[in-house]
N, C-alpha and C. Protein backbone atom coordinates (compact mmCIF):
# COMPACT_ATOMS: atom_id res chain seq x y z
N UNK A 1 0.81 -1.19 0.00
CA UNK A 1 0.00 0.00 0.00
C UNK A 1 0.86 1.26 0.00
N UNK A 2 2.00 1.24 0.67
CA UNK A 2 2.82 2.43 0.74
C UNK A 2 3.31 2.86 -0.64
N UNK A 3 3.59 1.91 -1.54
CA UNK A 3 4.00 2.30 -2.88
C UNK A 3 2.88 3.04 -3.59
N UNK A 4 1.67 2.56 -3.41
CA UNK A 4 0.55 3.23 -4.04
C UNK A 4 0.31 4.58 -3.38
N UNK A 5 0.45 4.62 -2.09
CA UNK A 5 0.30 5.87 -1.38
C UNK A 5 1.33 6.87 -1.87
N UNK A 6 2.55 6.41 -2.11
CA UNK A 6 3.60 7.26 -2.67
C UNK A 6 3.19 7.77 -4.04
N UNK A 7 2.50 6.96 -4.81
CA UNK A 7 2.07 7.37 -6.14
C UNK A 7 1.03 8.47 -6.07
N UNK A 8 0.31 8.54 -4.97
CA UNK A 8 -0.66 9.61 -4.77
C UNK A 8 0.00 10.64 -3.87
N UNK A 9 0.98 11.30 -4.39
CA UNK A 9 1.80 12.22 -3.63
C UNK A 9 1.03 13.48 -3.25
N UNK A 10 1.48 14.11 -2.19
CA UNK A 10 0.82 15.31 -1.72
C UNK A 10 1.82 16.44 -1.53
N UNK A 11 1.48 17.61 -1.97
CA UNK A 11 2.30 18.79 -1.76
C UNK A 11 1.41 19.96 -1.42
N UNK A 12 1.90 20.85 -0.63
CA UNK A 12 1.10 21.96 -0.14
C UNK A 12 0.67 22.86 -1.30
N UNK A 13 -0.65 22.97 -1.49
CA UNK A 13 -1.18 23.86 -2.48
C UNK A 13 -1.04 23.43 -3.92
N UNK A 14 -0.80 22.18 -4.19
CA UNK A 14 -0.62 21.74 -5.57
C UNK A 14 -1.63 20.66 -5.93
N UNK A 15 -1.47 20.13 -7.15
CA UNK A 15 -2.37 19.07 -7.63
C UNK A 15 -2.38 17.86 -6.70
N UNK A 16 -1.26 17.59 -6.08
CA UNK A 16 -1.18 16.40 -5.23
C UNK A 16 -1.93 16.57 -3.92
N UNK A 17 -1.95 17.78 -3.42
CA UNK A 17 -2.76 18.04 -2.22
C UNK A 17 -4.22 17.74 -2.54
N UNK A 18 -4.66 18.21 -3.68
CA UNK A 18 -6.04 17.94 -4.11
C UNK A 18 -6.27 16.44 -4.32
N UNK A 19 -5.26 15.74 -4.85
CA UNK A 19 -5.41 14.30 -5.08
C UNK A 19 -5.61 13.55 -3.77
N UNK A 20 -4.88 13.92 -2.74
CA UNK A 20 -5.07 13.25 -1.45
C UNK A 20 -6.48 13.50 -0.92
N UNK A 21 -6.95 14.72 -1.05
CA UNK A 21 -8.31 15.06 -0.64
C UNK A 21 -9.32 14.25 -1.45
N UNK A 22 -9.12 14.21 -2.75
CA UNK A 22 -10.03 13.50 -3.65
C UNK A 22 -10.09 12.01 -3.34
N UNK A 23 -8.93 11.39 -3.20
CA UNK A 23 -8.89 9.95 -2.92
C UNK A 23 -9.53 9.66 -1.57
N UNK A 24 -9.21 10.46 -0.57
CA UNK A 24 -9.80 10.24 0.76
C UNK A 24 -11.33 10.36 0.71
N UNK A 25 -11.82 11.31 -0.05
CA UNK A 25 -13.27 11.48 -0.18
C UNK A 25 -13.90 10.32 -0.92
N UNK A 26 -13.30 9.89 -2.01
CA UNK A 26 -13.83 8.75 -2.77
C UNK A 26 -13.85 7.48 -1.91
N UNK A 27 -12.77 7.26 -1.17
CA UNK A 27 -12.73 6.08 -0.29
C UNK A 27 -13.78 6.18 0.81
N UNK A 28 -13.98 7.37 1.35
CA UNK A 28 -15.02 7.56 2.37
C UNK A 28 -16.39 7.21 1.80
N UNK A 29 -16.65 7.64 0.58
CA UNK A 29 -17.93 7.33 -0.05
C UNK A 29 -18.11 5.83 -0.20
N UNK A 30 -17.05 5.13 -0.55
CA UNK A 30 -17.13 3.68 -0.68
C UNK A 30 -17.32 3.01 0.68
N UNK A 31 -16.62 3.49 1.69
CA UNK A 31 -16.75 2.90 3.02
C UNK A 31 -18.17 3.06 3.54
N UNK A 32 -18.82 4.15 3.20
CA UNK A 32 -20.21 4.38 3.61
C UNK A 32 -21.19 3.44 2.91
N UNK A 33 -20.78 2.90 1.78
CA UNK A 33 -21.62 1.97 1.02
C UNK A 33 -21.71 0.65 1.80
N UNK A 34 -22.88 0.23 2.14
CA UNK A 34 -23.05 -0.98 2.96
C UNK A 34 -22.54 -2.24 2.29
N UNK A 35 -22.45 -2.25 0.98
CA UNK A 35 -21.96 -3.43 0.26
C UNK A 35 -20.44 -3.52 0.25
N UNK A 36 -19.78 -2.45 0.64
CA UNK A 36 -18.31 -2.41 0.63
C UNK A 36 -17.84 -2.72 2.04
N UNK A 37 -17.16 -3.82 2.22
CA UNK A 37 -16.82 -4.27 3.57
C UNK A 37 -15.46 -3.78 4.05
N UNK A 38 -14.82 -2.94 3.29
CA UNK A 38 -13.52 -2.40 3.68
C UNK A 38 -13.70 -1.27 4.69
N UNK A 39 -12.79 -1.20 5.66
CA UNK A 39 -12.81 -0.15 6.67
C UNK A 39 -11.56 0.72 6.54
N UNK A 40 -11.52 1.82 7.27
CA UNK A 40 -10.32 2.66 7.28
C UNK A 40 -9.12 1.86 7.78
N UNK A 41 -9.36 0.98 8.74
CA UNK A 41 -8.27 0.16 9.27
C UNK A 41 -7.67 -0.72 8.17
N UNK A 42 -8.51 -1.22 7.27
CA UNK A 42 -8.01 -2.01 6.14
C UNK A 42 -7.11 -1.18 5.23
N UNK A 43 -7.29 0.12 5.26
CA UNK A 43 -6.51 1.05 4.44
C UNK A 43 -5.33 1.62 5.22
N UNK A 44 -5.13 1.14 6.44
CA UNK A 44 -3.99 1.58 7.24
C UNK A 44 -4.19 2.92 7.92
N UNK A 45 -5.45 3.30 8.13
CA UNK A 45 -5.75 4.60 8.73
C UNK A 45 -6.87 4.44 9.76
N UNK A 46 -7.04 5.46 10.57
CA UNK A 46 -8.12 5.48 11.56
C UNK A 46 -9.37 6.15 11.03
N UNK A 47 -9.18 7.05 10.06
CA UNK A 47 -10.29 7.85 9.54
C UNK A 47 -9.89 8.46 8.21
N UNK A 48 -10.84 9.15 7.61
CA UNK A 48 -10.56 9.85 6.36
C UNK A 48 -9.47 10.90 6.58
N UNK A 49 -9.59 11.65 7.65
CA UNK A 49 -8.58 12.68 7.94
C UNK A 49 -7.20 12.07 8.15
N UNK A 50 -7.16 10.94 8.84
CA UNK A 50 -5.89 10.26 9.09
C UNK A 50 -5.30 9.74 7.79
N UNK A 51 -6.13 9.20 6.90
CA UNK A 51 -5.66 8.72 5.60
C UNK A 51 -5.05 9.87 4.82
N UNK A 52 -5.76 10.99 4.79
CA UNK A 52 -5.26 12.16 4.05
C UNK A 52 -3.95 12.65 4.67
N UNK A 53 -3.88 12.70 5.98
CA UNK A 53 -2.66 13.16 6.65
C UNK A 53 -1.48 12.25 6.34
N UNK A 54 -1.71 10.95 6.30
CA UNK A 54 -0.64 10.02 5.95
C UNK A 54 -0.15 10.28 4.53
N UNK A 55 -1.07 10.56 3.64
CA UNK A 55 -0.72 10.88 2.26
C UNK A 55 0.14 12.15 2.22
N UNK A 56 -0.27 13.16 2.93
CA UNK A 56 0.49 14.41 2.98
C UNK A 56 1.87 14.19 3.59
N UNK A 57 1.93 13.43 4.67
CA UNK A 57 3.21 13.14 5.32
C UNK A 57 4.15 12.38 4.40
N UNK A 58 3.61 11.45 3.63
CA UNK A 58 4.43 10.68 2.70
C UNK A 58 5.06 11.59 1.67
N UNK A 59 4.28 12.52 1.14
CA UNK A 59 4.84 13.45 0.16
C UNK A 59 5.94 14.30 0.79
N UNK A 60 5.66 14.87 1.94
CA UNK A 60 6.67 15.71 2.60
C UNK A 60 7.97 14.94 2.81
N UNK A 61 7.84 13.73 3.24
CA UNK A 61 9.00 12.89 3.52
C UNK A 61 9.74 12.49 2.25
N UNK A 62 9.03 12.01 1.27
CA UNK A 62 9.66 11.44 0.08
C UNK A 62 10.02 12.48 -0.98
N UNK A 63 9.36 13.59 -1.01
CA UNK A 63 9.62 14.57 -2.06
C UNK A 63 10.99 15.21 -1.95
N UNK A 64 11.56 15.19 -0.78
CA UNK A 64 12.88 15.80 -0.61
C UNK A 64 13.96 15.06 -1.39
N UNK A 65 13.70 13.79 -1.71
CA UNK A 65 14.66 12.99 -2.46
C UNK A 65 14.40 12.98 -3.96
N UNK A 66 13.37 13.67 -4.41
CA UNK A 66 13.02 13.67 -5.83
C UNK A 66 13.74 14.79 -6.57
N UNK A 67 14.09 14.49 -7.80
CA UNK A 67 14.63 15.51 -8.69
C UNK A 67 13.47 16.32 -9.26
N UNK A 68 13.77 17.48 -9.81
CA UNK A 68 12.72 18.33 -10.38
C UNK A 68 11.86 17.59 -11.39
N UNK A 69 12.47 16.80 -12.24
CA UNK A 69 11.73 16.03 -13.25
C UNK A 69 10.78 15.05 -12.57
N UNK A 70 11.21 14.43 -11.49
CA UNK A 70 10.36 13.47 -10.78
C UNK A 70 9.21 14.17 -10.07
N UNK A 71 9.48 15.35 -9.54
CA UNK A 71 8.40 16.12 -8.91
C UNK A 71 7.35 16.47 -9.95
N UNK A 72 7.77 16.89 -11.12
CA UNK A 72 6.81 17.22 -12.18
C UNK A 72 6.01 15.99 -12.59
N UNK A 73 6.66 14.84 -12.67
CA UNK A 73 5.94 13.60 -12.99
C UNK A 73 4.89 13.30 -11.91
N UNK A 74 5.25 13.51 -10.65
CA UNK A 74 4.30 13.29 -9.55
C UNK A 74 3.12 14.23 -9.67
N UNK A 75 3.38 15.49 -9.95
CA UNK A 75 2.29 16.46 -10.12
C UNK A 75 1.39 16.09 -11.28
N UNK A 76 1.98 15.61 -12.37
CA UNK A 76 1.19 15.17 -13.53
C UNK A 76 0.32 13.97 -13.16
N UNK A 77 0.87 13.04 -12.39
CA UNK A 77 0.10 11.88 -11.93
C UNK A 77 -1.06 12.32 -11.05
N UNK A 78 -0.80 13.25 -10.16
CA UNK A 78 -1.86 13.75 -9.28
C UNK A 78 -2.95 14.46 -10.07
N UNK A 79 -2.56 15.19 -11.09
CA UNK A 79 -3.55 15.85 -11.95
C UNK A 79 -4.44 14.81 -12.63
N UNK A 80 -3.83 13.73 -13.09
CA UNK A 80 -4.60 12.65 -13.73
C UNK A 80 -5.54 11.98 -12.73
N UNK A 81 -5.10 11.80 -11.51
CA UNK A 81 -5.95 11.21 -10.47
C UNK A 81 -7.16 12.10 -10.23
N UNK A 82 -6.93 13.40 -10.11
CA UNK A 82 -8.03 14.33 -9.90
C UNK A 82 -9.03 14.30 -11.05
N UNK A 83 -8.52 14.19 -12.26
CA UNK A 83 -9.38 14.20 -13.44
C UNK A 83 -10.21 12.92 -13.57
N UNK A 84 -9.67 11.80 -13.13
CA UNK A 84 -10.36 10.52 -13.36
C UNK A 84 -11.02 9.92 -12.13
N UNK A 85 -10.85 10.52 -10.98
CA UNK A 85 -11.35 9.92 -9.73
C UNK A 85 -12.84 9.61 -9.77
N UNK A 86 -13.63 10.49 -10.31
CA UNK A 86 -15.07 10.28 -10.35
C UNK A 86 -15.52 9.16 -11.25
N UNK A 87 -14.65 8.70 -12.12
CA UNK A 87 -15.04 7.64 -13.04
C UNK A 87 -14.77 6.24 -12.48
N UNK A 88 -14.10 6.15 -11.33
CA UNK A 88 -13.82 4.85 -10.73
C UNK A 88 -14.95 4.42 -9.81
N UNK A 89 -15.25 3.13 -9.83
CA UNK A 89 -16.26 2.63 -8.90
C UNK A 89 -15.54 2.07 -7.66
N UNK A 90 -16.31 1.69 -6.66
CA UNK A 90 -15.72 1.25 -5.40
C UNK A 90 -14.85 0.00 -5.55
N UNK A 91 -15.21 -0.89 -6.43
CA UNK A 91 -14.37 -2.08 -6.64
C UNK A 91 -13.01 -1.71 -7.21
N UNK A 92 -12.98 -0.71 -8.07
CA UNK A 92 -11.71 -0.24 -8.63
C UNK A 92 -10.87 0.44 -7.55
N UNK A 93 -11.52 1.23 -6.68
CA UNK A 93 -10.80 1.83 -5.56
C UNK A 93 -10.23 0.75 -4.64
N UNK A 94 -11.02 -0.28 -4.40
CA UNK A 94 -10.56 -1.38 -3.55
C UNK A 94 -9.33 -2.06 -4.17
N UNK A 95 -9.37 -2.29 -5.46
CA UNK A 95 -8.24 -2.93 -6.13
C UNK A 95 -6.97 -2.08 -6.01
N UNK A 96 -7.14 -0.79 -5.99
CA UNK A 96 -5.98 0.11 -5.88
C UNK A 96 -5.43 0.22 -4.45
N UNK A 97 -6.31 0.15 -3.46
CA UNK A 97 -5.89 0.51 -2.10
C UNK A 97 -5.93 -0.58 -1.05
N UNK A 98 -6.58 -1.69 -1.31
CA UNK A 98 -6.67 -2.74 -0.28
C UNK A 98 -5.72 -3.86 -0.62
N UNK A 99 -4.86 -4.18 0.33
CA UNK A 99 -3.94 -5.32 0.14
C UNK A 99 -4.73 -6.60 0.36
N UNK A 100 -4.51 -7.57 -0.53
CA UNK A 100 -5.21 -8.87 -0.41
C UNK A 100 -4.30 -9.91 0.10
């Protein structure tokens, strides 16, 4: 999960900050669905806010080792996540975020 969490990087005031917010919201919507049996604990967090904070912390920690080109790639990935998040269903979110 940490590799995927790294892929959803977060930076203050950028596309990645929005991506962490977006992913946390989409996962919350799925968790509220009674047919979805995944919990925040299954995602390695206590709550939506905790999940988002972990995402932000991961970016802060890992971004210091990235080159400018890698940071731009991360921002591009986050932009793509924001653009496509609404098109994923809960099973697709589960496949991305729940370890089996």
